[in-house]
Amino acid sequence: MAQQVRRSERLRQVPRPPRQGLQGLKGLKGSERLQLLETDFAVADPLDASDGEAEKRKRRQGAESQALIGPKRRRFLFQELASRAEEGPNFFTCEATASTLPRRFFCPSCLKLARYKCPQCCGAFCSLGCQKLHKEVLCR
């Protein structure tokens, strides 16, 4: 008896009809994409020195005045909150007791829970790698 060879259907090449109408659309889409990209990035060069000195001075003065107003505004808001006669706890009348749990120390280099302390400066670290970094940078 002759053995039949089984072949997968996926491997057979099936002739497909040519796509004539899609070539024009592909070109159109590509040119539209190119046009969108060109208009997307059509902004002034930020490194161009065409900005006037007056505009820079105005911006700088605005930032300086905001820096001066900030602490005054904050102080005024805190005074206003403190003067309100509201019942119940608020920021100024709230009292918290000390924690019953011990203080947790964190490794300053990786912010994990620190299980070890440096014998020289009592700085906290979590592993040998962080201990090396601590000795090089933080320990004095």
Protein backbone atom coordinates (compact mmCIF):
# COMPACT_ATOMS: atom_id res chain seq x y z
CA MET A 1 0.00 0.00 0.00
CA ALA A 2 1.17 3.46 -0.84
CA GLN A 3 1.39 5.94 1.99
CA GLN A 4 -0.35 9.25 1.55
CA VAL A 5 1.52 12.40 2.50
CA ARG A 6 -0.53 14.76 4.62
CA ARG A 7 0.01 18.43 4.04
CA SER A 8 -1.27 21.42 5.96
CA GLU A 9 -3.79 23.71 4.33
CA ARG A 10 -1.86 26.72 5.58
CA LEU A 11 1.13 25.91 3.40
CA ARG A 12 -0.76 25.84 0.14
CA GLN A 13 -0.47 29.00 -1.87
CA VAL A 14 -3.88 30.22 -2.90
CA PRO A 15 -3.82 32.76 -5.73
CA ARG A 16 -5.45 36.02 -4.70
CA PRO A 17 -6.98 38.60 -6.99
CA PRO A 18 -4.87 41.75 -7.41
CA ARG A 19 -5.83 44.76 -5.32
CA GLN A 20 -5.97 47.70 -7.63
CA GLY A 21 -8.17 50.13 -5.74
CA LEU A 22 -6.15 50.12 -2.52
CA GLN A 23 -2.95 51.52 -4.03
CA GLY A 24 -4.50 54.95 -4.45
CA LEU A 25 -5.81 54.98 -0.88
CA LYS A 26 -2.46 53.98 0.55
CA GLY A 27 -0.77 56.88 -1.17
CA LEU A 28 -3.48 59.24 -0.03
CA LYS A 29 -3.25 58.09 3.56
CA GLY A 30 0.52 58.43 3.51
CA SER A 31 0.38 61.97 2.16
CA GLU A 32 -2.28 62.86 4.72
CA ARG A 33 -0.10 61.46 7.48
CA LEU A 34 2.86 63.40 6.20
CA GLN A 35 0.79 66.58 6.05
CA LEU A 36 -0.42 66.04 9.63
CA LEU A 37 3.11 65.46 10.85
CA GLU A 38 4.37 68.58 9.11
CA THR A 39 1.61 70.72 10.60
CA ASP A 40 1.96 69.06 14.01
CA PHE A 41 5.53 70.18 14.47
CA ALA A 42 5.18 73.57 12.82
CA VAL A 43 5.92 75.55 15.99
CA ALA A 44 8.47 78.21 16.72
CA ASP A 45 11.91 76.99 17.72
CA PRO A 46 12.16 77.20 21.52
CA LEU A 47 15.90 77.82 21.31
CA ASP A 48 15.43 80.76 18.97
CA ALA A 49 16.58 83.99 20.64
CA SER A 50 13.85 86.10 19.08
CA ASP A 51 12.03 86.66 22.43
CA GLY A 52 12.30 90.21 23.59
CA GLU A 53 14.04 91.14 26.81
CA ALA A 54 10.89 92.96 27.97
CA GLU A 55 8.86 89.74 27.88
CA LYS A 56 11.50 87.89 29.90
CA ARG A 57 11.62 90.72 32.43
CA LYS A 58 7.82 90.67 32.79
CA ARG A 59 7.81 86.91 33.36
CA ARG A 60 10.60 87.19 35.92
CA GLN A 61 8.84 90.00 37.80
CA GLY A 62 5.61 88.01 37.83
CA ALA A 63 7.32 85.00 39.38
CA GLU A 64 9.03 87.18 41.99
CA SER A 65 5.77 88.86 42.99
CA GLN A 66 4.05 85.46 43.29
CA ALA A 67 6.87 84.28 45.54
CA LEU A 68 6.33 87.27 47.83
CA ILE A 69 2.55 86.89 47.87
CA GLY A 70 2.64 83.15 48.64
CA PRO A 71 3.75 83.24 52.32
CA LYS A 72 1.50 86.21 53.11
CA ARG A 73 -1.49 84.47 51.59
CA ARG A 74 -0.71 81.27 53.48
CA ARG A 75 -0.34 83.12 56.79
CA PHE A 76 -3.67 84.88 56.19
CA LEU A 77 -5.41 81.60 55.42
CA PHE A 78 -4.05 79.95 58.57
CA GLN A 79 -5.13 82.93 60.69
CA GLU A 80 -8.59 82.77 59.15
CA LEU A 81 -8.87 79.04 59.83
CA ALA A 82 -7.70 79.48 63.42
CA SER A 83 -10.21 82.28 64.08
CA ARG A 84 -13.23 80.26 62.93
CA ALA A 85 -15.31 78.97 65.80
CA GLU A 86 -16.30 75.59 64.43
CA GLU A 87 -17.26 72.69 66.59
CA GLY A 88 -15.29 69.51 66.19
CA PRO A 89 -11.63 68.95 65.48
CA ASN A 90 -9.76 70.97 62.90
CA PHE A 91 -6.11 71.44 62.02
CA PHE A 92 -5.34 73.62 65.04
CA THR A 93 -7.38 71.89 67.75
CA CYS A 94 -6.53 68.29 66.84
CA GLU A 95 -4.31 66.46 69.32
CA ALA A 96 -2.67 63.12 68.62
CA THR A 97 -0.98 60.90 71.15
CA ALA A 98 2.38 59.25 70.64
CA SER A 99 2.43 56.01 68.70
CA THR A 100 2.48 52.75 70.63
CA LEU A 101 4.60 51.10 67.93
CA PRO A 102 8.37 51.62 67.69
CA ARG A 103 9.77 54.05 65.14
CA ARG A 104 10.46 52.56 61.70
CA PHE A 105 13.75 53.39 60.01
CA PHE A 106 14.06 53.47 56.24
CA CYS A 107 17.15 53.05 54.09
CA PRO A 108 18.00 56.50 52.67
CA SER A 109 19.37 55.10 49.40
CA CYS A 110 16.52 52.77 48.36
CA LEU A 111 13.70 53.65 50.83
CA LYS A 112 13.17 50.05 51.97
CA LEU A 113 12.77 49.07 55.60
CA ALA A 114 16.22 49.37 57.20
CA ARG A 115 17.19 46.40 59.37
CA TYR A 116 20.81 47.38 60.08
CA LYS A 117 22.63 50.40 61.51
CA CYS A 118 26.05 51.81 60.81
CA PRO A 119 28.33 51.43 63.86
CA GLN A 120 30.08 54.75 63.13
CA CYS A 121 27.17 57.15 62.59
CA CYS A 122 24.07 55.05 63.45
CA GLY A 123 22.72 55.59 59.96
CA ALA A 124 20.22 52.99 58.72
CA PHE A 125 20.62 50.71 55.71
CA CYS A 126 18.94 47.55 54.43
CA SER A 127 21.58 45.48 52.62
CA LEU A 128 25.29 45.13 51.93
CA GLY A 129 25.00 47.13 48.71
CA CYS A 130 23.30 49.97 50.53
CA GLN A 131 25.94 49.72 53.29
CA LYS A 132 28.69 50.27 50.69
CA LEU A 133 26.82 53.23 49.27
CA HIS A 134 26.28 54.56 52.80
CA LYS A 135 29.99 54.33 53.61
CA GLU A 136 30.98 56.03 50.34
CA VAL A 137 28.46 58.85 50.34
CA LEU A 138 26.58 59.35 53.58
CA CYS A 139 28.85 58.22 56.43
CA ARG A 140 31.17 60.93 57.76
